[in-house]
Protein backbone atom coordinates (compact mmCIF):
# COMPACT_ATOMS: atom_id res chain seq x y z
CA UNK A 1 54.22 -30.98 14.62
CA UNK A 2 53.16 -29.95 11.12
CA UNK A 3 55.58 -27.01 11.05
CA UNK A 4 58.74 -29.09 11.39
CA UNK A 5 60.50 -30.15 8.18
CA UNK A 6 59.48 -33.61 6.94
CA UNK A 7 61.74 -36.51 7.92
CA UNK A 8 60.25 -39.08 5.54
CA UNK A 9 61.11 -37.57 2.18
CA UNK A 10 58.49 -34.85 1.70
CA UNK A 11 56.19 -36.45 4.26
CA UNK A 12 55.82 -35.91 7.99
CA UNK A 13 55.37 -39.02 10.13
CA UNK A 14 53.57 -38.79 13.48
CA UNK A 15 53.27 -41.81 15.80
CA UNK A 16 50.35 -42.31 18.18
CA UNK A 17 51.49 -44.99 20.61
CA UNK A 18 50.24 -46.37 23.91
CA UNK A 19 48.86 -49.48 25.57
CA UNK A 20 45.90 -51.51 24.32
CA UNK A 21 42.52 -50.04 25.17
CA UNK A 22 43.92 -46.58 25.99
CA UNK A 23 42.04 -44.80 23.20
CA UNK A 24 44.90 -44.26 20.75
CA UNK A 25 42.89 -45.40 17.69
CA UNK A 26 40.13 -42.90 18.41
CA UNK A 27 42.64 -40.13 19.06
CA UNK A 28 44.61 -40.99 15.90
CA UNK A 29 41.47 -40.99 13.72
CA UNK A 30 40.54 -37.53 14.97
CA UNK A 31 44.10 -36.28 14.48
CA UNK A 32 44.26 -37.71 10.95
CA UNK A 33 40.94 -36.05 10.10
CA UNK A 34 42.14 -32.70 11.48
CA UNK A 35 45.44 -32.89 9.58
CA UNK A 36 43.98 -34.44 6.42
CA UNK A 37 46.54 -37.22 6.95
CA UNK A 38 46.65 -40.86 5.94
CA UNK A 39 46.18 -43.20 8.90
CA UNK A 40 48.20 -46.43 9.10
CA UNK A 41 47.85 -48.83 12.03
CA UNK A 42 50.41 -51.19 13.50
CA UNK A 43 47.46 -53.62 13.75
CA UNK A 44 47.87 -53.92 9.98
CA UNK A 45 51.20 -55.66 10.72
CA UNK A 46 51.24 -57.16 14.22
CA UNK A 47 49.81 -60.50 15.28
CA UNK A 48 48.95 -61.95 18.69
CA UNK A 49 52.18 -63.95 18.66
CA UNK A 50 54.31 -61.15 17.14
CA UNK A 51 53.39 -57.80 18.69
CA UNK A 52 56.55 -55.92 17.63
CA UNK A 53 59.39 -57.69 15.88
CA UNK A 54 59.13 -59.83 12.73
CA UNK A 55 56.74 -57.47 10.94
CA UNK A 56 58.71 -54.25 11.50
CA UNK A 57 60.86 -54.66 8.33
CA UNK A 58 57.65 -54.81 6.22
CA UNK A 59 56.60 -51.40 7.52
CA UNK A 60 60.09 -49.96 7.13
CA UNK A 61 60.19 -51.18 3.51
CA UNK A 62 56.88 -49.42 2.71
CA UNK A 63 57.96 -46.23 4.51
CA UNK A 64 61.30 -46.24 2.65
CA UNK A 65 59.37 -46.12 -0.61
CA UNK A 66 57.47 -43.08 0.71
CA UNK A 67 60.75 -41.46 1.78
CA UNK A 68 61.95 -41.90 -1.81
CA UNK A 69 58.83 -40.16 -3.14
CA UNK A 70 57.06 -43.33 -4.25
CA UNK A 71 53.93 -45.00 -2.86
CA UNK A 72 54.66 -47.78 -0.38
CA UNK A 73 52.64 -50.99 -0.36
CA UNK A 74 51.88 -53.74 2.14
CA UNK A 75 49.24 -56.35 2.91
CA UNK A 76 47.26 -56.03 6.14
CA UNK A 77 47.35 -58.78 8.70
CA UNK A 78 44.01 -60.59 8.72
CA UNK A 79 42.83 -60.80 12.34
CA UNK A 80 39.35 -62.10 11.41
CA UNK A 81 40.12 -65.77 12.06
CA UNK A 82 41.52 -65.17 15.56
CA UNK A 83 44.76 -66.91 16.48
CA UNK A 84 47.01 -67.36 14.60
CA UNK A 85 46.68 -64.25 12.48
CA UNK A 86 47.84 -64.47 8.90
CA UNK A 87 49.23 -61.84 6.55
CA UNK A 88 46.60 -62.20 3.86
CA UNK A 89 44.43 -59.14 4.21
CA UNK A 90 43.85 -56.37 1.71
CA UNK A 91 46.68 -54.44 0.10
CA UNK A 92 47.24 -50.90 1.34
CA UNK A 93 49.08 -48.09 -0.40
CA UNK A 94 50.88 -45.44 1.64
CA UNK A 95 50.98 -42.22 -0.33
CA UNK A 96 53.80 -39.68 -0.12
CA UNK A 97 51.83 -36.70 1.19
CA UNK A 98 51.85 -33.99 3.85
CA UNK A 99 51.42 -36.15 6.95
CA UNK A 100 51.03 -39.82 7.80
CA UNK A 101 49.74 -40.88 11.21
CA UNK A 102 51.18 -44.22 12.32
CA UNK A 103 48.91 -45.45 15.09
CA UNK A 104 49.38 -48.38 17.40
CA UNK A 105 51.47 -50.19 19.93
CA UNK A 106 55.21 -49.73 19.27
CA UNK A 107 54.71 -47.10 16.55
CA UNK A 108 56.94 -44.62 18.42
CA UNK A 109 59.69 -47.14 19.12
CA UNK A 110 63.29 -45.93 19.39
CA UNK A 111 64.03 -47.55 16.02
CA UNK A 112 61.51 -45.30 14.28
CA UNK A 113 64.01 -42.56 13.43
CA UNK A 114 61.85 -40.79 10.83
CA UNK A 115 59.27 -39.46 13.27
CA UNK A 116 58.37 -35.79 13.34
CA UNK A 117 56.46 -36.32 16.59
CA UNK A 118 55.57 -39.09 19.02
CA UNK A 119 52.31 -38.95 20.96
CA UNK A 120 51.69 -41.37 23.82
CA UNK A 121 48.04 -41.97 24.70
CA UNK A 122 47.63 -43.29 28.22
CA UNK A 123 44.83 -44.53 30.42
CA UNK A 124 46.44 -45.57 33.67
CA UNK A 125 43.89 -48.19 34.75
CA UNK A 126 45.10 -51.44 33.20
CA UNK A 127 41.99 -53.38 34.24
CA UNK A 128 39.71 -50.77 32.65
CA UNK A 129 41.83 -50.89 29.48
CA UNK A 130 41.51 -54.69 29.40
CA UNK A 131 37.72 -54.50 29.70
CA UNK A 132 37.56 -51.78 27.04
CA UNK A 133 39.62 -53.90 24.62
CA UNK A 134 37.55 -57.03 25.31
CA UNK A 135 34.32 -55.06 24.78
CA UNK A 136 35.69 -53.88 21.44
CA UNK A 137 37.12 -57.21 20.18
CA UNK A 138 35.05 -59.84 22.01
CA UNK A 139 35.39 -62.13 25.01
CA UNK A 140 37.40 -64.66 22.92
CA UNK A 141 40.26 -62.12 22.88
CA UNK A 142 40.56 -61.73 26.69
CA UNK A 143 43.46 -64.15 27.21
CA UNK A 144 45.29 -62.70 24.22
CA UNK A 145 44.92 -59.20 25.68
CA UNK A 146 46.13 -60.32 29.11
CA UNK A 147 49.33 -61.68 27.50
CA UNK A 148 49.54 -58.56 25.27
CA UNK A 149 49.35 -56.25 28.30
CA UNK A 150 52.18 -58.17 29.98
CA UNK A 151 54.25 -57.76 26.84
CA UNK A 152 53.38 -54.03 26.64
CA UNK A 153 54.58 -53.40 30.20
CA UNK A 154 57.98 -54.88 29.38
CA UNK A 155 58.20 -53.16 25.99
CA UNK A 156 57.38 -49.71 27.32
CA UNK A 157 59.84 -50.10 30.20
CA UNK A 158 62.73 -51.05 27.92
CA UNK A 159 61.85 -48.75 25.00
CA UNK A 160 61.01 -45.80 27.34
CA UNK A 161 58.22 -44.90 24.92
CA UNK A 162 56.23 -42.67 27.26
CA UNK A 163 59.31 -40.85 28.55
CA UNK A 164 60.52 -40.09 25.00
CA UNK A 165 57.12 -38.94 23.70
CA UNK A 166 56.80 -35.35 22.52
CA UNK A 167 53.24 -35.26 23.85
CA UNK A 168 51.36 -37.38 26.40
CA UNK A 169 47.57 -37.51 26.17
CA UNK A 170 45.54 -38.97 29.01
CA UNK A 171 42.29 -40.55 27.88
CA UNK A 172 39.21 -41.14 29.97
């Protein structure tokens, strides 16, 4: 993964994808620490009503800057007020550096052509994943996560994310 030539300018991009509550954030944090990599989350972009689409160009724009050897910038989505989420959080700078870990649902999508590696973190029990996510984010998020999981099932089937992954990690 870190031996392959960079595909984002002088930077390697590794995606850690998978369904909600599977443990991908924990895995990605550990990986970023081990690789001394910057960690970016798709939660910085997505919203409950837009899990994958409208925000993607914002990420691509920031990553294009990195590919050109310049820092990329974006504003995080502010999830603190619940639904609807608004794009008014803090500004983040993505630095051109050795490795960037892009963590979150849809990070390893087919359209992400600059990836050096795609890792899919899975936890097969959807009910357990739902409870894990609700424990993390609060009971008020349950209905959002139920809809999100339905969306994930369709997304992963069409995008073939797990099948295309370079590595599959099963969490407990």
